[in-house]
Amino acid sequence: MKDIHEVLRRKQAKYAQLAKQIEALQQAADKLREVAPLLTDSDDDSMVLAETEEEAQPMSRAASASNQAQPAKPANRAPRWP
């Protein structure tokens, strides 16, 4: 019979991993919602591009600063079944 504490530890580790994956998917969904209006056809594409560039510059600086502060993470992979 398996040690109940070992089984519990493995389940908690898997739960934590799934929680991280869910959070990453939610963040991706939020970003997609932001860019979805940009993907629609419009008559004035140059105006949309100008607005996007203005908004992206401060965000890209903040993103690069936050990436430097955090250690590199391994690529997200789907868990393999035993």
PDB file of N, CA and C in Angstrom:
ATOM      1  N   MET A   1       0.844  -1.186   0.000  1.00  0.00           N
ATOM      2  CA  MET A   1       0.000   0.000   0.000  1.00  0.00           C
ATOM      3  C   MET A   1       0.887   1.246   0.000  1.00  0.00           C
ATOM      4  N   LYS A   2       0.446   2.236  -0.769  1.00  0.00           N
ATOM      5  CA  LYS A   2       1.218   3.467  -0.877  1.00  0.00           C
ATOM      6  C   LYS A   2       1.112   4.278   0.407  1.00  0.00           C
ATOM      7  N   ASP A   3       2.151   5.039   0.657  1.00  0.00           N
ATOM      8  CA  ASP A   3       2.149   5.942   1.800  1.00  0.00           C
ATOM      9  C   ASP A   3       1.184   7.091   1.497  1.00  0.00           C
ATOM     10  N   ILE A   4       0.208   7.298   2.371  1.00  0.00           N
ATOM     11  CA  ILE A   4      -0.830   8.307   2.145  1.00  0.00           C
ATOM     12  C   ILE A   4      -0.248   9.716   2.054  1.00  0.00           C
ATOM     13  N   HIS A   5       0.835   9.971   2.775  1.00  0.00           N
ATOM     14  CA  HIS A   5       1.463  11.297   2.742  1.00  0.00           C
ATOM     15  C   HIS A   5       2.145  11.549   1.399  1.00  0.00           C
ATOM     16  N   GLU A   6       2.734  10.501   0.839  1.00  0.00           N
ATOM     17  CA  GLU A   6       3.367  10.639  -0.474  1.00  0.00           C
ATOM     18  C   GLU A   6       2.312  10.890  -1.551  1.00  0.00           C
ATOM     19  N   VAL A   7       1.205  10.187  -1.484  1.00  0.00           N
ATOM     20  CA  VAL A   7       0.109  10.387  -2.438  1.00  0.00           C
ATOM     21  C   VAL A   7      -0.435  11.801  -2.311  1.00  0.00           C
ATOM     22  N   LEU A   8      -0.630  12.262  -1.096  1.00  0.00           N
ATOM     23  CA  LEU A   8      -1.141  13.606  -0.862  1.00  0.00           C
ATOM     24  C   LEU A   8      -0.165  14.657  -1.393  1.00  0.00           C
ATOM     25  N   ARG A   9       1.121  14.460  -1.158  1.00  0.00           N
ATOM     26  CA  ARG A   9       2.138  15.402  -1.635  1.00  0.00           C
ATOM     27  C   ARG A   9       2.116  15.487  -3.165  1.00  0.00           C
ATOM     28  N   ARG A  10       2.003  14.350  -3.825  1.00  0.00           N
ATOM     29  CA  ARG A  10       1.962  14.341  -5.292  1.00  0.00           C
ATOM     30  C   ARG A  10       0.715  15.039  -5.815  1.00  0.00           C
ATOM     31  N   LYS A  11      -0.414  14.791  -5.168  1.00  0.00           N
ATOM     32  CA  LYS A  11      -1.662  15.433  -5.595  1.00  0.00           C
ATOM     33  C   LYS A  11      -1.585  16.945  -5.413  1.00  0.00           C
ATOM     34  N   GLN A  12      -1.001  17.389  -4.317  1.00  0.00           N
ATOM     35  CA  GLN A  12      -0.866  18.826  -4.079  1.00  0.00           C
ATOM     36  C   GLN A  12       0.071  19.467  -5.094  1.00  0.00           C
ATOM     37  N   ALA A  13       1.138  18.764  -5.450  1.00  0.00           N
ATOM     38  CA  ALA A  13       2.067  19.287  -6.450  1.00  0.00           C
ATOM     39  C   ALA A  13       1.377  19.405  -7.808  1.00  0.00           C
ATOM     40  N   LYS A  14       0.601  18.394  -8.160  1.00  0.00           N
ATOM     41  CA  LYS A  14      -0.123  18.437  -9.430  1.00  0.00           C
ATOM     42  C   LYS A  14      -1.160  19.554  -9.420  1.00  0.00           C
ATOM     43  N   TYR A  15      -1.842  19.731  -8.287  1.00  0.00           N
ATOM     44  CA  TYR A  15      -2.834  20.806  -8.153  1.00  0.00           C
ATOM     45  C   TYR A  15      -2.161  22.168  -8.325  1.00  0.00           C
ATOM     46  N   ALA A  16      -0.994  22.354  -7.730  1.00  0.00           N
ATOM     47  CA  ALA A  16      -0.275  23.625  -7.854  1.00  0.00           C
ATOM     48  C   ALA A  16       0.127  23.878  -9.305  1.00  0.00           C
ATOM     49  N   GLN A  17       0.565  22.833  -9.994  1.00  0.00           N
ATOM     50  CA  GLN A  17       0.953  22.972 -11.392  1.00  0.00           C
ATOM     51  C   GLN A  17      -0.257  23.345 -12.249  1.00  0.00           C
ATOM     52  N   LEU A  18      -1.385  22.710 -12.010  1.00  0.00           N
ATOM     53  CA  LEU A  18      -2.600  23.031 -12.758  1.00  0.00           C
ATOM     54  C   LEU A  18      -3.055  24.460 -12.482  1.00  0.00           C
ATOM     55  N   ALA A  19      -2.909  24.908 -11.244  1.00  0.00           N
ATOM     56  CA  ALA A  19      -3.294  26.279 -10.897  1.00  0.00           C
ATOM     57  C   ALA A  19      -2.440  27.280 -11.671  1.00  0.00           C
ATOM     58  N   LYS A  20      -1.138  26.994 -11.821  1.00  0.00           N
ATOM     59  CA  LYS A  20      -0.260  27.881 -12.590  1.00  0.00           C
ATOM     60  C   LYS A  20      -0.661  27.900 -14.061  1.00  0.00           C
ATOM     61  N   GLN A  21      -1.010  26.737 -14.600  1.00  0.00           N
ATOM     62  CA  GLN A  21      -1.411  26.674 -15.996  1.00  0.00           C
ATOM     63  C   GLN A  21      -2.723  27.434 -16.222  1.00  0.00           C
ATOM     64  N   ILE A  22      -3.653  27.316 -15.289  1.00  0.00           N
ATOM     65  CA  ILE A  22      -4.922  28.040 -15.398  1.00  0.00           C
ATOM     66  C   ILE A  22      -4.676  29.543 -15.368  1.00  0.00           C
ATOM     67  N   GLU A  23      -3.805  29.987 -14.487  1.00  0.00           N
ATOM     68  CA  GLU A  23      -3.493  31.414 -14.391  1.00  0.00           C
ATOM     69  C   GLU A  23      -2.869  31.923 -15.692  1.00  0.00           C
ATOM     70  N   ALA A  24      -1.964  31.136 -16.268  1.00  0.00           N
ATOM     71  CA  ALA A  24      -1.333  31.531 -17.528  1.00  0.00           C
ATOM     72  C   ALA A  24      -2.368  31.617 -18.643  1.00  0.00           C
ATOM     73  N   LEU A  25      -3.296  30.683 -18.679  1.00  0.00           N
ATOM     74  CA  LEU A  25      -4.344  30.717 -19.695  1.00  0.00           C
ATOM     75  C   LEU A  25      -5.264  31.917 -19.511  1.00  0.00           C
ATOM     76  N   GLN A  26      -5.562  32.270 -18.263  1.00  0.00           N
ATOM     77  CA  GLN A  26      -6.399  33.436 -18.011  1.00  0.00           C
ATOM     78  C   GLN A  26      -5.701  34.718 -18.451  1.00  0.00           C
ATOM     79  N   GLN A  27      -4.399  34.809 -18.213  1.00  0.00           N
ATOM     80  CA  GLN A  27      -3.644  35.982 -18.645  1.00  0.00           C
ATOM     81  C   GLN A  27      -3.613  36.074 -20.166  1.00  0.00           C
ATOM     82  N   ALA A  28      -3.449  34.934 -20.826  1.00  0.00           N
ATOM     83  CA  ALA A  28      -3.456  34.922 -22.289  1.00  0.00           C
ATOM     84  C   ALA A  28      -4.819  35.346 -22.823  1.00  0.00           C
ATOM     85  N   ALA A  29      -5.886  34.891 -22.185  1.00  0.00           N
ATOM     86  CA  ALA A  29      -7.237  35.269 -22.612  1.00  0.00           C
ATOM     87  C   ALA A  29      -7.440  36.773 -22.454  1.00  0.00           C
ATOM     88  N   ASP A  30      -6.937  37.343 -21.363  1.00  0.00           N
ATOM     89  CA  ASP A  30      -7.056  38.792 -21.167  1.00  0.00           C
ATOM     90  C   ASP A  30      -6.326  39.555 -22.268  1.00  0.00           C
ATOM     91  N   LYS A  31      -5.127  39.102 -22.616  1.00  0.00           N
ATOM     92  CA  LYS A  31      -4.363  39.771 -23.672  1.00  0.00           C
ATOM     93  C   LYS A  31      -5.070  39.641 -25.014  1.00  0.00           C
ATOM     94  N   LEU A  32      -5.644  38.480 -25.274  1.00  0.00           N
ATOM     95  CA  LEU A  32      -6.366  38.296 -26.533  1.00  0.00           C
ATOM     96  C   LEU A  32      -7.591  39.191 -26.613  1.00  0.00           C
ATOM     97  N   ARG A  33      -8.255  39.406 -25.487  1.00  0.00           N
ATOM     98  CA  ARG A  33      -9.402  40.311 -25.482  1.00  0.00           C
ATOM     99  C   ARG A  33      -8.975  41.736 -25.815  1.00  0.00           C
ATOM    100  N   GLU A  34      -7.765  42.101 -25.389  1.00  0.00           N
ATOM    101  CA  GLU A  34      -7.269  43.449 -25.670  1.00  0.00           C
ATOM    102  C   GLU A  34      -6.986  43.644 -27.154  1.00  0.00           C
ATOM    103  N   VAL A  35      -6.453  42.628 -27.811  1.00  0.00           N
ATOM    104  CA  VAL A  35      -6.069  42.789 -29.215  1.00  0.00           C
ATOM    105  C   VAL A  35      -7.169  42.387 -30.185  1.00  0.00           C
ATOM    106  N   ALA A  36      -8.220  41.757 -29.716  1.00  0.00           N
ATOM    107  CA  ALA A  36      -9.300  41.307 -30.601  1.00  0.00           C
ATOM    108  C   ALA A  36      -9.881  42.447 -31.433  1.00  0.00           C
ATOM    109  N   PRO A  37     -10.132  43.628 -30.856  1.00  0.00           N
ATOM    110  CA  PRO A  37     -10.666  44.714 -31.683  1.00  0.00           C
ATOM    111  C   PRO A  37      -9.703  45.146 -32.785  1.00  0.00           C
ATOM    112  N   LEU A  38      -8.419  44.948 -32.572  1.00  0.00           N
ATOM    113  CA  LEU A  38      -7.435  45.336 -33.587  1.00  0.00           C
ATOM    114  C   LEU A  38      -7.461  44.386 -34.783  1.00  0.00           C
ATOM    115  N   LEU A  39      -7.980  43.195 -34.582  1.00  0.00           N
ATOM    116  CA  LEU A  39      -8.006  42.209 -35.656  1.00  0.00           C
ATOM    117  C   LEU A  39      -9.200  42.365 -36.586  1.00  0.00           C
ATOM    118  N   THR A  40     -10.146  43.199 -36.201  1.00  0.00           N
ATOM    119  CA  THR A  40     -11.312  43.426 -37.056  1.00  0.00           C
ATOM    120  C   THR A  40     -10.924  44.347 -38.203  1.00  0.00           C
ATOM    121  N   ASP A  41     -11.607  44.203 -39.333  1.00  0.00           N
ATOM    122  CA  ASP A  41     -11.340  45.057 -40.488  1.00  0.00           C
ATOM    123  C   ASP A  41     -11.838  46.462 -40.208  1.00  0.00           C
ATOM    124  N   SER A  42     -11.004  47.438 -40.549  1.00  0.00           N
ATOM    125  CA  SER A  42     -11.422  48.832 -40.402  1.00  0.00           C
ATOM    126  C   SER A  42     -10.910  49.627 -41.593  1.00  0.00           C
ATOM    127  N   ASP A  43     -11.548  50.764 -41.839  1.00  0.00           N
ATOM    128  CA  ASP A  43     -11.172  51.602 -42.967  1.00  0.00           C
ATOM    129  C   ASP A  43      -9.932  52.437 -42.662  1.00  0.00           C
ATOM    130  N   ASP A  44      -9.707  52.745 -41.391  1.00  0.00           N
ATOM    131  CA  ASP A  44      -8.597  53.617 -41.025  1.00  0.00           C
ATOM    132  C   ASP A  44      -7.541  52.824 -40.261  1.00  0.00           C
ATOM    133  N   ASP A  45      -6.830  51.952 -40.956  1.00  0.00           N
ATOM    134  CA  ASP A  45      -5.822  51.107 -40.314  1.00  0.00           C
ATOM    135  C   ASP A  45      -4.644  51.919 -39.789  1.00  0.00           C
ATOM    136  N   SER A  46      -4.279  53.003 -40.437  1.00  0.00           N
ATOM    137  CA  SER A  46      -3.127  53.783 -39.999  1.00  0.00           C
ATOM    138  C   SER A  46      -3.379  54.405 -38.629  1.00  0.00           C
ATOM    139  N   MET A  47      -4.607  54.821 -38.366  1.00  0.00           N
ATOM    140  CA  MET A  47      -4.934  55.405 -37.066  1.00  0.00           C
ATOM    141  C   MET A  47      -4.859  54.348 -35.965  1.00  0.00           C
ATOM    142  N   VAL A  48      -5.333  53.149 -36.260  1.00  0.00           N
ATOM    143  CA  VAL A  48      -5.280  52.061 -35.287  1.00  0.00           C
ATOM    144  C   VAL A  48      -3.841  51.700 -34.983  1.00  0.00           C
ATOM    145  N   LEU A  49      -2.982  51.643 -36.013  1.00  0.00           N
ATOM    146  CA  LEU A  49      -1.576  51.315 -35.803  1.00  0.00           C
ATOM    147  C   LEU A  49      -0.883  52.372 -34.952  1.00  0.00           C
ATOM    148  N   ALA A  50      -1.165  53.633 -35.182  1.00  0.00           N
ATOM    149  CA  ALA A  50      -0.548  54.706 -34.404  1.00  0.00           C
ATOM    150  C   ALA A  50      -0.947  54.612 -32.934  1.00  0.00           C
ATOM    151  N   GLU A  51      -2.234  54.351 -32.679  1.00  0.00           N
ATOM    152  CA  GLU A  51      -2.694  54.225 -31.297  1.00  0.00           C
ATOM    153  C   GLU A  51      -2.057  53.020 -30.621  1.00  0.00           C
ATOM    154  N   THR A  52      -1.918  51.943 -31.344  1.00  0.00           N
ATOM    155  CA  THR A  52      -1.347  50.723 -30.791  1.00  0.00           C
ATOM    156  C   THR A  52       0.118  50.928 -30.443  1.00  0.00           C
ATOM    157  N   GLU A  53       0.869  51.590 -31.300  1.00  0.00           N
ATOM    158  CA  GLU A  53       2.285  51.835 -31.034  1.00  0.00           C
ATOM    159  C   GLU A  53       2.468  52.713 -29.806  1.00  0.00           C
ATOM    160  N   GLU A  54       1.622  53.724 -29.631  1.00  0.00           N
ATOM    161  CA  GLU A  54       1.728  54.607 -28.468  1.00  0.00           C
ATOM    162  C   GLU A  54       1.455  53.846 -27.175  1.00  0.00           C
ATOM    163  N   GLU A  55       0.466  52.961 -27.207  1.00  0.00           N
ATOM    164  CA  GLU A  55       0.114  52.201 -26.016  1.00  0.00           C
ATOM    165  C   GLU A  55       1.123  51.104 -25.728  1.00  0.00           C
ATOM    166  N   ALA A  56       1.747  50.550 -26.752  1.00  0.00           N
ATOM    167  CA  ALA A  56       2.639  49.408 -26.582  1.00  0.00           C
ATOM    168  C   ALA A  56       3.994  49.804 -26.003  1.00  0.00           C
ATOM    169  N   GLN A  57       4.462  51.014 -26.254  1.00  0.00           N
ATOM    170  CA  GLN A  57       5.783  51.405 -25.786  1.00  0.00           C
ATOM    171  C   GLN A  57       5.902  51.379 -24.267  1.00  0.00           C
ATOM    172  N   PRO A  58       5.015  52.001 -23.490  1.00  0.00           N
ATOM    173  CA  PRO A  58       5.161  51.915 -22.035  1.00  0.00           C
ATOM    174  C   PRO A  58       4.960  50.486 -21.536  1.00  0.00           C
ATOM    175  N   MET A  59       4.076  49.748 -22.159  1.00  0.00           N
ATOM    176  CA  MET A  59       3.817  48.381 -21.718  1.00  0.00           C
ATOM    177  C   MET A  59       5.026  47.496 -21.977  1.00  0.00           C
ATOM    178  N   SER A  60       5.714  47.701 -23.097  1.00  0.00           N
ATOM    179  CA  SER A  60       6.865  46.863 -23.405  1.00  0.00           C
ATOM    180  C   SER A  60       8.014  47.153 -22.452  1.00  0.00           C
ATOM    181  N   ARG A  61       8.163  48.404 -22.029  1.00  0.00           N
ATOM    182  CA  ARG A  61       9.197  48.726 -21.049  1.00  0.00           C
ATOM    183  C   ARG A  61       8.909  48.073 -19.711  1.00  0.00           C
ATOM    184  N   ALA A  62       7.660  48.124 -19.291  1.00  0.00           N
ATOM    185  CA  ALA A  62       7.279  47.490 -18.028  1.00  0.00           C
ATOM    186  C   ALA A  62       7.447  45.982 -18.111  1.00  0.00           C
ATOM    187  N   ALA A  63       7.110  45.406 -19.248  1.00  0.00           N
ATOM    188  CA  ALA A  63       7.237  43.960 -19.406  1.00  0.00           C
ATOM    189  C   ALA A  63       8.696  43.544 -19.386  1.00  0.00           C
ATOM    190  N   SER A  64       9.568  44.320 -20.020  1.00  0.00           N
ATOM    191  CA  SER A  64      10.987  43.951 -20.025  1.00  0.00           C
ATOM    192  C   SER A  64      11.581  44.104 -18.631  1.00  0.00           C
ATOM    193  N   ALA A  65      11.130  45.093 -17.870  1.00  0.00           N
ATOM    194  CA  ALA A  65      11.617  45.256 -16.506  1.00  0.00           C
ATOM    195  C   ALA A  65      11.163  44.103 -15.618  1.00  0.00           C
ATOM    196  N   SER A  66       9.927  43.678 -15.795  1.00  0.00           N
ATOM    197  CA  SER A  66       9.437  42.571 -14.973  1.00  0.00           C
ATOM    198  C   SER A  66      10.090  41.265 -15.386  1.00  0.00           C
ATOM    199  N   ASN A  67      10.429  41.104 -16.659  1.00  0.00           N
ATOM    200  CA  ASN A  67      11.100  39.883 -17.108  1.00  0.00           C
ATOM    201  C   ASN A  67      12.510  39.797 -16.554  1.00  0.00           C
ATOM    202  N   GLN A  68      13.171  40.937 -16.381  1.00  0.00           N
ATOM    203  CA  GLN A  68      14.526  40.930 -15.844  1.00  0.00           C
ATOM    204  C   GLN A  68      14.515  40.597 -14.360  1.00  0.00           C
ATOM    205  N   ALA A  69      13.457  40.961 -13.659  1.00  0.00           N
ATOM    206  CA  ALA A  69      13.391  40.725 -12.226  1.00  0.00           C
ATOM    207  C   ALA A  69      13.071  39.278 -11.897  1.00  0.00           C
ATOM    208  N   GLN A  70      12.442  38.553 -12.818  1.00  0.00           N
ATOM    209  CA  GLN A  70      12.048  37.182 -12.564  1.00  0.00           C
ATOM    210  C   GLN A  70      13.007  36.228 -13.257  1.00  0.00           C
ATOM    211  N   PRO A  71      13.319  35.097 -12.613  1.00  0.00           N
ATOM    212  CA  PRO A  71      14.183  34.116 -13.273  1.00  0.00           C
ATOM    213  C   PRO A  71      13.452  33.468 -14.443  1.00  0.00           C
ATOM    214  N   ALA A  72      14.229  32.940 -15.367  1.00  0.00           N
ATOM    215  CA  ALA A  72      13.624  32.288 -16.536  1.00  0.00           C
ATOM    216  C   ALA A  72      12.858  31.049 -16.092  1.00  0.00           C
ATOM    217  N   LYS A  73      11.680  30.872 -16.688  1.00  0.00           N
ATOM    218  CA  LYS A  73      10.853  29.726 -16.362  1.00  0.00           C
ATOM    219  C   LYS A  73      10.957  28.706 -17.489  1.00  0.00           C
ATOM    220  N   PRO A  74      10.887  27.432 -17.183  1.00  0.00           N
ATOM    221  CA  PRO A  74      10.884  26.440 -18.257  1.00  0.00           C
ATOM    222  C   PRO A  74       9.587  26.531 -19.055  1.00  0.00           C
ATOM    223  N   ALA A  75       9.641  26.069 -20.273  1.00  0.00           N
ATOM    224  CA  ALA A  75       8.461  26.116 -21.142  1.00  0.00           C
ATOM    225  C   ALA A  75       7.337  25.298 -20.538  1.00  0.00           C
ATOM    226  N   ASN A  76       6.123  25.849 -20.633  1.00  0.00           N
ATOM    227  CA  ASN A  76       4.958  25.117 -20.115  1.00  0.00           C
ATOM    228  C   ASN A  76       4.698  23.921 -21.012  1.00  0.00           C
ATOM    229  N   ARG A  77       4.588  22.791 -20.380  1.00  0.00           N
ATOM    230  CA  ARG A  77       4.295  21.559 -21.108  1.00  0.00           C
ATOM    231  C   ARG A  77       3.098  20.892 -20.479  1.00  0.00           C
ATOM    232  N   ALA A  78       2.399  20.147 -21.281  1.00  0.00           N
ATOM    233  CA  ALA A  78       1.285  19.379 -20.763  1.00  0.00           C
ATOM    234  C   ALA A  78       1.841  18.240 -19.905  1.00  0.00           C
ATOM    235  N   PRO A  79       1.227  17.995 -18.760  1.00  0.00           N
ATOM    236  CA  PRO A  79       1.737  16.905 -17.915  1.00  0.00           C
ATOM    237  C   PRO A  79       1.559  15.568 -18.608  1.00  0.00           C
ATOM    238  N   ARG A  80       2.509  14.676 -18.395  1.00  0.00           N
ATOM    239  CA  ARG A  80       2.437  13.344 -18.980  1.00  0.00           C
ATOM    240  C   ARG A  80       1.822  12.404 -17.974  1.00  0.00           C
ATOM    241  N   TRP A  81       0.992  11.554 -18.458  1.00  0.00           N
ATOM    242  CA  TRP A  81       0.367  10.574 -17.590  1.00  0.00           C
ATOM    243  C   TRP A  81       1.341   9.441 -17.325  1.00  0.00           C
ATOM    244  N   PRO A  82       1.357   8.938 -16.090  1.00  0.00           N
ATOM    245  CA  PRO A  82       2.303   7.857 -15.765  1.00  0.00           C
ATOM    246  C   PRO A  82       1.989   6.570 -16.495  1.00  0.00           C
TER     247      PRO A  82
END
